[in-house]
Amino acid sequence: RVPWADFRTAFRVHHILDGVIEMKLEQFLK
C-alpha cells in the first residue's frame, strides 16, 4: 500500500513540471 505522502510526491515528480507549483502559488496569492 503506497502511503499518501509517497503517492503525492511520486505523482508530482512525474506529472508536474519544475516550478509549476510555485507559479500557481504566486498566481493564487495575487
PDB file of all heavy atoms in Angstrom:
ATOM      1  N   ARG A   1       0.860  -1.189   0.000  1.00  0.00           N
ATOM      2  CA  ARG A   1       0.000   0.000   0.000  1.00  0.00           C
ATOM      3  C   ARG A   1       0.887   1.227   0.000  1.00  0.00           C
ATOM      4  O   ARG A   1       1.697   1.417   0.901  1.00  0.00           O
ATOM      5  CB  ARG A   1      -0.923   0.008   1.215  1.00  0.00           C
ATOM      6  CG  ARG A   1      -1.933  -1.109   1.164  1.00  0.00           C
ATOM      7  CD  ARG A   1      -2.874  -1.006   2.339  1.00  0.00           C
ATOM      8  NE  ARG A   1      -3.824  -2.086   2.282  1.00  0.00           N
ATOM      9  CZ  ARG A   1      -5.132  -1.906   2.121  1.00  0.00           C
ATOM     10  NH1 ARG A   1      -5.625  -0.701   2.027  1.00  0.00           N
ATOM     11  NH2 ARG A   1      -5.939  -2.944   2.079  1.00  0.00           N
ATOM     12  N   VAL A   2       0.711   2.057  -1.009  1.00  0.00           N
ATOM     13  CA  VAL A   2       1.519   3.267  -1.147  1.00  0.00           C
ATOM     14  C   VAL A   2       0.933   4.336  -0.221  1.00  0.00           C
ATOM     15  O   VAL A   2      -0.240   4.699  -0.368  1.00  0.00           O
ATOM     16  CB  VAL A   2       1.533   3.756  -2.606  1.00  0.00           C
ATOM     17  CG1 VAL A   2       2.323   5.036  -2.741  1.00  0.00           C
ATOM     18  CG2 VAL A   2       2.072   2.667  -3.526  1.00  0.00           C
ATOM     19  N   PRO A   3       1.715   4.834   0.722  1.00  0.00           N
ATOM     20  CA  PRO A   3       1.228   5.900   1.601  1.00  0.00           C
ATOM     21  C   PRO A   3       0.896   7.166   0.804  1.00  0.00           C
ATOM     22  O   PRO A   3       1.487   7.427  -0.254  1.00  0.00           O
ATOM     23  CB  PRO A   3       2.405   6.163   2.549  1.00  0.00           C
ATOM     24  CG  PRO A   3       3.256   4.945   2.455  1.00  0.00           C
ATOM     25  CD  PRO A   3       3.071   4.409   1.074  1.00  0.00           C
ATOM     26  N   TRP A   4      -0.049   7.948   1.296  1.00  0.00           N
ATOM     27  CA  TRP A   4      -0.491   9.158   0.613  1.00  0.00           C
ATOM     28  C   TRP A   4       0.680  10.097   0.309  1.00  0.00           C
ATOM     29  O   TRP A   4       0.785  10.606  -0.805  1.00  0.00           O
ATOM     30  CB  TRP A   4      -1.548   9.871   1.444  1.00  0.00           C
ATOM     31  CG  TRP A   4      -1.909  11.212   0.875  1.00  0.00           C
ATOM     32  CD1 TRP A   4      -1.689  12.425   1.435  1.00  0.00           C
ATOM     33  CD2 TRP A   4      -2.542  11.462  -0.384  1.00  0.00           C
ATOM     34  NE1 TRP A   4      -2.142  13.421   0.614  1.00  0.00           N
ATOM     35  CE2 TRP A   4      -2.667  12.859  -0.510  1.00  0.00           C
ATOM     36  CE3 TRP A   4      -2.995  10.650  -1.418  1.00  0.00           C
ATOM     37  CZ2 TRP A   4      -3.253  13.458  -1.633  1.00  0.00           C
ATOM     38  CZ3 TRP A   4      -3.578  11.253  -2.531  1.00  0.00           C
ATOM     39  CH2 TRP A   4      -3.700  12.634  -2.618  1.00  0.00           C
ATOM     40  N   ALA A   5       1.544  10.325   1.271  1.00  0.00           N
ATOM     41  CA  ALA A   5       2.670  11.241   1.049  1.00  0.00           C
ATOM     42  C   ALA A   5       3.565  10.737  -0.075  1.00  0.00           C
ATOM     43  O   ALA A   5       4.034  11.522  -0.904  1.00  0.00           O
ATOM     44  CB  ALA A   5       3.470  11.414   2.338  1.00  0.00           C
ATOM     45  N   ASP A   6       3.781   9.432  -0.147  1.00  0.00           N
ATOM     46  CA  ASP A   6       4.606   8.857  -1.214  1.00  0.00           C
ATOM     47  C   ASP A   6       3.909   8.986  -2.567  1.00  0.00           C
ATOM     48  O   ASP A   6       4.547   9.293  -3.580  1.00  0.00           O
ATOM     49  CB  ASP A   6       4.921   7.386  -0.930  1.00  0.00           C
ATOM     50  CG  ASP A   6       5.827   7.204   0.271  1.00  0.00           C
ATOM     51  OD1 ASP A   6       6.338   8.212   0.810  1.00  0.00           O
ATOM     52  OD2 ASP A   6       6.017   6.045   0.682  1.00  0.00           O
ATOM     53  N   PHE A   7       2.593   8.738  -2.590  1.00  0.00           N
ATOM     54  CA  PHE A   7       1.829   8.887  -3.836  1.00  0.00           C
ATOM     55  C   PHE A   7       1.912  10.318  -4.331  1.00  0.00           C
ATOM     56  O   PHE A   7       2.199  10.574  -5.499  1.00  0.00           O
ATOM     57  CB  PHE A   7       0.365   8.498  -3.615  1.00  0.00           C
ATOM     58  CG  PHE A   7      -0.517   8.817  -4.800  1.00  0.00           C
ATOM     59  CD1 PHE A   7      -0.656   7.902  -5.826  1.00  0.00           C
ATOM     60  CD2 PHE A   7      -1.189  10.022  -4.887  1.00  0.00           C
ATOM     61  CE1 PHE A   7      -1.456   8.187  -6.921  1.00  0.00           C
ATOM     62  CE2 PHE A   7      -1.989  10.319  -5.972  1.00  0.00           C
ATOM     63  CZ  PHE A   7      -2.125   9.396  -6.991  1.00  0.00           C
ATOM     64  N   ARG A   8       1.642  11.251  -3.440  1.00  0.00           N
ATOM     65  CA  ARG A   8       1.637  12.672  -3.808  1.00  0.00           C
ATOM     66  C   ARG A   8       2.998  13.105  -4.353  1.00  0.00           C
ATOM     67  O   ARG A   8       3.080  13.759  -5.397  1.00  0.00           O
ATOM     68  CB  ARG A   8       1.242  13.510  -2.596  1.00  0.00           C
ATOM     69  CG  ARG A   8       1.051  14.974  -2.916  1.00  0.00           C
ATOM     70  CD  ARG A   8       0.659  15.755  -1.699  1.00  0.00           C
ATOM     71  NE  ARG A   8       1.750  15.681  -0.735  1.00  0.00           N
ATOM     72  CZ  ARG A   8       1.594  15.729   0.567  1.00  0.00           C
ATOM     73  NH1 ARG A   8       0.396  15.846   1.088  1.00  0.00           N
ATOM     74  NH2 ARG A   8       2.634  15.667   1.375  1.00  0.00           N
ATOM     75  N   THR A   9       4.052  12.712  -3.678  1.00  0.00           N
ATOM     76  CA  THR A   9       5.399  13.076  -4.121  1.00  0.00           C
ATOM     77  C   THR A   9       5.723  12.456  -5.477  1.00  0.00           C
ATOM     78  O   THR A   9       6.197  13.145  -6.381  1.00  0.00           O
ATOM     79  CB  THR A   9       6.440  12.645  -3.079  1.00  0.00           C
ATOM     80  OG1 THR A   9       6.160  13.315  -1.847  1.00  0.00           O
ATOM     81  CG2 THR A   9       7.843  12.973  -3.532  1.00  0.00           C
ATOM     82  N   ALA A  10       5.469  11.171  -5.631  1.00  0.00           N
ATOM     83  CA  ALA A  10       5.773  10.484  -6.890  1.00  0.00           C
ATOM     84  C   ALA A  10       4.963  11.076  -8.039  1.00  0.00           C
ATOM     85  O   ALA A  10       5.477  11.275  -9.144  1.00  0.00           O
ATOM     86  CB  ALA A  10       5.498   8.988  -6.753  1.00  0.00           C
ATOM     87  N   PHE A  11       3.695  11.376  -7.791  1.00  0.00           N
ATOM     88  CA  PHE A  11       2.837  11.948  -8.835  1.00  0.00           C
ATOM     89  C   PHE A  11       3.347  13.314  -9.267  1.00  0.00           C
ATOM     90  O   PHE A  11       3.460  13.599 -10.459  1.00  0.00           O
ATOM     91  CB  PHE A  11       1.391  12.057  -8.339  1.00  0.00           C
ATOM     92  CG  PHE A  11       0.450  12.524  -9.409  1.00  0.00           C
ATOM     93  CD1 PHE A  11      -0.117  11.622 -10.286  1.00  0.00           C
ATOM     94  CD2 PHE A  11       0.141  13.867  -9.545  1.00  0.00           C
ATOM     95  CE1 PHE A  11      -0.981  12.052 -11.289  1.00  0.00           C
ATOM     96  CE2 PHE A  11      -0.717  14.307 -10.540  1.00  0.00           C
ATOM     97  CZ  PHE A  11      -1.288  13.390 -11.414  1.00  0.00           C
ATOM     98  N   ARG A  12       3.660  14.146  -8.301  1.00  0.00           N
ATOM     99  CA  ARG A  12       4.156  15.490  -8.629  1.00  0.00           C
ATOM    100  C   ARG A  12       5.473  15.441  -9.387  1.00  0.00           C
ATOM    101  O   ARG A  12       5.670  16.186 -10.339  1.00  0.00           O
ATOM    102  CB  ARG A  12       4.307  16.326  -7.361  1.00  0.00           C
ATOM    103  CG  ARG A  12       2.990  16.776  -6.801  1.00  0.00           C
ATOM    104  CD  ARG A  12       3.181  17.624  -5.583  1.00  0.00           C
ATOM    105  NE  ARG A  12       1.894  18.105  -5.096  1.00  0.00           N
ATOM    106  CZ  ARG A  12       1.731  18.782  -3.982  1.00  0.00           C
ATOM    107  NH1 ARG A  12       2.771  19.065  -3.221  1.00  0.00           N
ATOM    108  NH2 ARG A  12       0.542  19.174  -3.614  1.00  0.00           N
ATOM    109  N   VAL A  13       6.380  14.564  -8.968  1.00  0.00           N
ATOM    110  CA  VAL A  13       7.678  14.458  -9.637  1.00  0.00           C
ATOM    111  C   VAL A  13       7.488  14.051 -11.097  1.00  0.00           C
ATOM    112  O   VAL A  13       8.153  14.573 -11.987  1.00  0.00           O
ATOM    113  CB  VAL A  13       8.588  13.446  -8.897  1.00  0.00           C
ATOM    114  CG1 VAL A  13       9.768  13.039  -9.754  1.00  0.00           C
ATOM    115  CG2 VAL A  13       9.049  14.032  -7.580  1.00  0.00           C
ATOM    116  N   HIS A  14       6.558  13.143 -11.343  1.00  0.00           N
ATOM    117  CA  HIS A  14       6.387  12.620 -12.691  1.00  0.00           C
ATOM    118  C   HIS A  14       5.501  13.497 -13.579  1.00  0.00           C
ATOM    119  O   HIS A  14       5.715  13.564 -14.786  1.00  0.00           O
ATOM    120  CB  HIS A  14       5.807  11.202 -12.643  1.00  0.00           C
ATOM    121  CG  HIS A  14       5.884  10.502 -13.949  1.00  0.00           C
ATOM    122  ND1 HIS A  14       4.888  10.564 -14.884  1.00  0.00           N
ATOM    123  CD2 HIS A  14       6.864   9.747 -14.493  1.00  0.00           C
ATOM    124  CE1 HIS A  14       5.237   9.869 -15.945  1.00  0.00           C
ATOM    125  NE2 HIS A  14       6.430   9.354 -15.730  1.00  0.00           N
ATOM    126  N   HIS A  15       4.499  14.163 -13.016  1.00  0.00           N
ATOM    127  CA  HIS A  15       3.491  14.836 -13.839  1.00  0.00           C
ATOM    128  C   HIS A  15       3.503  16.362 -13.794  1.00  0.00           C
ATOM    129  O   HIS A  15       2.847  16.993 -14.617  1.00  0.00           O
ATOM    130  CB  HIS A  15       2.083  14.355 -13.455  1.00  0.00           C
ATOM    131  CG  HIS A  15       1.838  12.932 -13.835  1.00  0.00           C
ATOM    132  ND1 HIS A  15       1.601  12.529 -15.122  1.00  0.00           N
ATOM    133  CD2 HIS A  15       1.832  11.809 -13.085  1.00  0.00           C
ATOM    134  CE1 HIS A  15       1.437  11.226 -15.155  1.00  0.00           C
ATOM    135  NE2 HIS A  15       1.572  10.759 -13.942  1.00  0.00           N
ATOM    136  N   ILE A  16       4.189  16.946 -12.842  1.00  0.00           N
ATOM    137  CA  ILE A  16       4.150  18.402 -12.723  1.00  0.00           C
ATOM    138  C   ILE A  16       5.553  18.942 -12.938  1.00  0.00           C
ATOM    139  O   ILE A  16       6.477  18.610 -12.197  1.00  0.00           O
ATOM    140  CB  ILE A  16       3.585  18.831 -11.356  1.00  0.00           C
ATOM    141  CG1 ILE A  16       2.165  18.272 -11.197  1.00  0.00           C
ATOM    142  CG2 ILE A  16       3.586  20.353 -11.236  1.00  0.00           C
ATOM    143  CD1 ILE A  16       1.540  18.524  -9.852  1.00  0.00           C
ATOM    144  N   LEU A  17       5.684  19.779 -13.952  1.00  0.00           N
ATOM    145  CA  LEU A  17       6.987  20.340 -14.289  1.00  0.00           C
ATOM    146  C   LEU A  17       7.530  21.185 -13.145  1.00  0.00           C
ATOM    147  O   LEU A  17       6.767  21.794 -12.386  1.00  0.00           O
ATOM    148  CB  LEU A  17       6.883  21.197 -15.548  1.00  0.00           C
ATOM    149  CG  LEU A  17       6.439  20.471 -16.809  1.00  0.00           C
ATOM    150  CD1 LEU A  17       6.225  21.475 -17.939  1.00  0.00           C
ATOM    151  CD2 LEU A  17       7.462  19.430 -17.208  1.00  0.00           C
ATOM    152  N   ASP A  18       8.851  21.233 -13.055  1.00  0.00           N
ATOM    153  CA  ASP A  18       9.500  22.049 -12.034  1.00  0.00           C
ATOM    154  C   ASP A  18       9.010  23.492 -12.122  1.00  0.00           C
ATOM    155  O   ASP A  18       8.905  24.060 -13.199  1.00  0.00           O
ATOM    156  CB  ASP A  18      11.022  22.030 -12.203  1.00  0.00           C
ATOM    157  CG  ASP A  18      11.617  20.672 -11.905  1.00  0.00           C
ATOM    158  OD1 ASP A  18      10.967  19.882 -11.205  1.00  0.00           O
ATOM    159  OD2 ASP A  18      12.744  20.411 -12.365  1.00  0.00           O
ATOM    160  N   GLY A  19       8.704  24.066 -11.014  1.00  0.00           N
ATOM    161  CA  GLY A  19       8.315  25.469 -10.965  1.00  0.00           C
ATOM    162  C   GLY A  19       6.838  25.731 -11.137  1.00  0.00           C
ATOM    163  O   GLY A  19       6.367  26.827 -10.840  1.00  0.00           O
ATOM    164  N   VAL A  20       6.060  24.750 -11.590  1.00  0.00           N
ATOM    165  CA  VAL A  20       4.634  24.986 -11.830  1.00  0.00           C
ATOM    166  C   VAL A  20       3.901  25.245 -10.515  1.00  0.00           C
ATOM    167  O   VAL A  20       3.065  26.146 -10.438  1.00  0.00           O
ATOM    168  CB  VAL A  20       3.987  23.817 -12.606  1.00  0.00           C
ATOM    169  CG1 VAL A  20       2.472  23.949 -12.647  1.00  0.00           C
ATOM    170  CG2 VAL A  20       4.543  23.755 -14.012  1.00  0.00           C
ATOM    171  N   ILE A  21       4.210  24.485  -9.487  1.00  0.00           N
ATOM    172  CA  ILE A  21       3.528  24.677  -8.205  1.00  0.00           C
ATOM    173  C   ILE A  21       3.828  26.064  -7.654  1.00  0.00           C
ATOM    174  O   ILE A  21       2.929  26.760  -7.185  1.00  0.00           O
ATOM    175  CB  ILE A  21       3.902  23.567  -7.198  1.00  0.00           C
ATOM    176  CG1 ILE A  21       3.311  22.241  -7.670  1.00  0.00           C
ATOM    177  CG2 ILE A  21       3.408  23.910  -5.796  1.00  0.00           C
ATOM    178  CD1 ILE A  21       3.665  21.056  -6.822  1.00  0.00           C
ATOM    179  N   GLU A  22       5.085  26.473  -7.741  1.00  0.00           N
ATOM    180  CA  GLU A  22       5.448  27.811  -7.258  1.00  0.00           C
ATOM    181  C   GLU A  22       4.748  28.890  -8.070  1.00  0.00           C
ATOM    182  O   GLU A  22       4.266  29.886  -7.529  1.00  0.00           O
ATOM    183  CB  GLU A  22       6.968  28.010  -7.308  1.00  0.00           C
ATOM    184  CG  GLU A  22       7.736  27.179  -6.298  1.00  0.00           C
ATOM    185  CD  GLU A  22       7.989  25.752  -6.762  1.00  0.00           C
ATOM    186  OE1 GLU A  22       7.725  25.422  -7.946  1.00  0.00           O
ATOM    187  OE2 GLU A  22       8.443  24.945  -5.933  1.00  0.00           O
ATOM    188  N   MET A  23       4.666  28.703  -9.396  1.00  0.00           N
ATOM    189  CA  MET A  23       3.988  29.663 -10.258  1.00  0.00           C
ATOM    190  C   MET A  23       2.507  29.754  -9.905  1.00  0.00           C
ATOM    191  O   MET A  23       1.945  30.851  -9.795  1.00  0.00           O
ATOM    192  CB  MET A  23       4.137  29.255 -11.724  1.00  0.00           C
ATOM    193  CG  MET A  23       3.472  30.203 -12.706  1.00  0.00           C
ATOM    194  SD  MET A  23       3.596  29.632 -14.417  1.00  0.00           S
ATOM    195  CE  MET A  23       2.517  28.206 -14.387  1.00  0.00           C
ATOM    196  N   LYS A  24       1.867  28.622  -9.692  1.00  0.00           N
ATOM    197  CA  LYS A  24       0.441  28.603  -9.342  1.00  0.00           C
ATOM    198  C   LYS A  24       0.214  29.223  -7.966  1.00  0.00           C
ATOM    199  O   LYS A  24      -0.775  29.914  -7.746  1.00  0.00           O
ATOM    200  CB  LYS A  24      -0.117  27.180  -9.389  1.00  0.00           C
ATOM    201  CG  LYS A  24      -0.190  26.615 -10.783  1.00  0.00           C
ATOM    202  CD  LYS A  24      -1.142  27.426 -11.635  1.00  0.00           C
ATOM    203  CE  LYS A  24      -1.285  26.873 -13.023  1.00  0.00           C
ATOM    204  NZ  LYS A  24      -2.189  27.672 -13.858  1.00  0.00           N
ATOM    205  N   LEU A  25       1.121  28.975  -7.021  1.00  0.00           N
ATOM    206  CA  LEU A  25       1.006  29.586  -5.704  1.00  0.00           C
ATOM    207  C   LEU A  25       1.092  31.098  -5.816  1.00  0.00           C
ATOM    208  O   LEU A  25       0.300  31.822  -5.208  1.00  0.00           O
ATOM    209  CB  LEU A  25       2.090  29.064  -4.764  1.00  0.00           C
ATOM    210  CG  LEU A  25       2.139  29.702  -3.375  1.00  0.00           C
ATOM    211  CD1 LEU A  25       0.834  29.473  -2.626  1.00  0.00           C
ATOM    212  CD2 LEU A  25       3.319  29.167  -2.595  1.00  0.00           C
ATOM    213  N   GLU A  26       2.030  31.575  -6.609  1.00  0.00           N
ATOM    214  CA  GLU A  26       2.178  33.018  -6.804  1.00  0.00           C
ATOM    215  C   GLU A  26       0.912  33.605  -7.430  1.00  0.00           C
ATOM    216  O   GLU A  26       0.424  34.649  -6.998  1.00  0.00           O
ATOM    217  CB  GLU A  26       3.385  33.293  -7.702  1.00  0.00           C
ATOM    218  CG  GLU A  26       3.700  34.763  -7.848  1.00  0.00           C
ATOM    219  CD  GLU A  26       4.953  34.995  -8.666  1.00  0.00           C
ATOM    220  OE1 GLU A  26       5.931  34.229  -8.510  1.00  0.00           O
ATOM    221  OE2 GLU A  26       4.943  35.952  -9.456  1.00  0.00           O
ATOM    222  N   GLN A  27       0.355  32.938  -8.428  1.00  0.00           N
ATOM    223  CA  GLN A  27      -0.892  33.394  -9.042  1.00  0.00           C
ATOM    224  C   GLN A  27      -2.022  33.425  -8.014  1.00  0.00           C
ATOM    225  O   GLN A  27      -2.809  34.369  -7.971  1.00  0.00           O
ATOM    226  CB  GLN A  27      -1.286  32.491 -10.206  1.00  0.00           C
ATOM    227  CG  GLN A  27      -0.415  32.633 -11.427  1.00  0.00           C
ATOM    228  CD  GLN A  27      -0.797  31.630 -12.510  1.00  0.00           C
ATOM    229  OE1 GLN A  27      -1.584  30.694 -12.285  1.00  0.00           O
ATOM    230  NE2 GLN A  27      -0.222  31.812 -13.693  1.00  0.00           N
ATOM    231  N   PHE A  28      -2.092  32.389  -7.202  1.00  0.00           N
ATOM    232  CA  PHE A  28      -3.153  32.316  -6.189  1.00  0.00           C
ATOM    233  C   PHE A  28      -3.032  33.447  -5.173  1.00  0.00           C
ATOM    234  O   PHE A  28      -4.019  34.075  -4.809  1.00  0.00           O
ATOM    235  CB  PHE A  28      -3.089  30.949  -5.472  1.00  0.00           C
ATOM    236  CG  PHE A  28      -4.079  30.825  -4.366  1.00  0.00           C
ATOM    237  CD1 PHE A  28      -5.415  30.589  -4.651  1.00  0.00           C
ATOM    238  CD2 PHE A  28      -3.691  30.918  -3.039  1.00  0.00           C
ATOM    239  CE1 PHE A  28      -6.358  30.465  -3.626  1.00  0.00           C
ATOM    240  CE2 PHE A  28      -4.603  30.798  -2.018  1.00  0.00           C
ATOM    241  CZ  PHE A  28      -5.938  30.568  -2.311  1.00  0.00           C
ATOM    242  N   LEU A  29      -1.816  33.710  -4.740  1.00  0.00           N
ATOM    243  CA  LEU A  29      -1.614  34.768  -3.742  1.00  0.00           C
ATOM    244  C   LEU A  29      -1.923  36.160  -4.297  1.00  0.00           C
ATOM    245  O   LEU A  29      -2.217  37.079  -3.532  1.00  0.00           O
ATOM    246  CB  LEU A  29      -0.183  34.703  -3.198  1.00  0.00           C
ATOM    247  CG  LEU A  29       0.140  33.452  -2.371  1.00  0.00           C
ATOM    248  CD1 LEU A  29       1.620  33.419  -2.017  1.00  0.00           C
ATOM    249  CD2 LEU A  29      -0.724  33.357  -1.135  1.00  0.00           C
ATOM    250  N   LYS A  30      -1.887  36.317  -5.606  1.00  0.00           N
ATOM    251  CA  LYS A  30      -2.161  37.615  -6.231  1.00  0.00           C
ATOM    252  C   LYS A  30      -3.637  37.789  -6.602  1.00  0.00           C
ATOM    253  O   LYS A  30      -4.025  38.844  -7.090  1.00  0.00           O
ATOM    254  CB  LYS A  30      -1.306  37.784  -7.483  1.00  0.00           C
ATOM    255  CG  LYS A  30       0.162  37.989  -7.178  1.00  0.00           C
ATOM    256  CD  LYS A  30       0.962  38.169  -8.455  1.00  0.00           C
ATOM    257  CE  LYS A  30       2.431  38.385  -8.138  1.00  0.00           C
ATOM    258  NZ  LYS A  30       3.241  38.517  -9.357  1.00  0.00           N
TER     259      LYS A  30
END
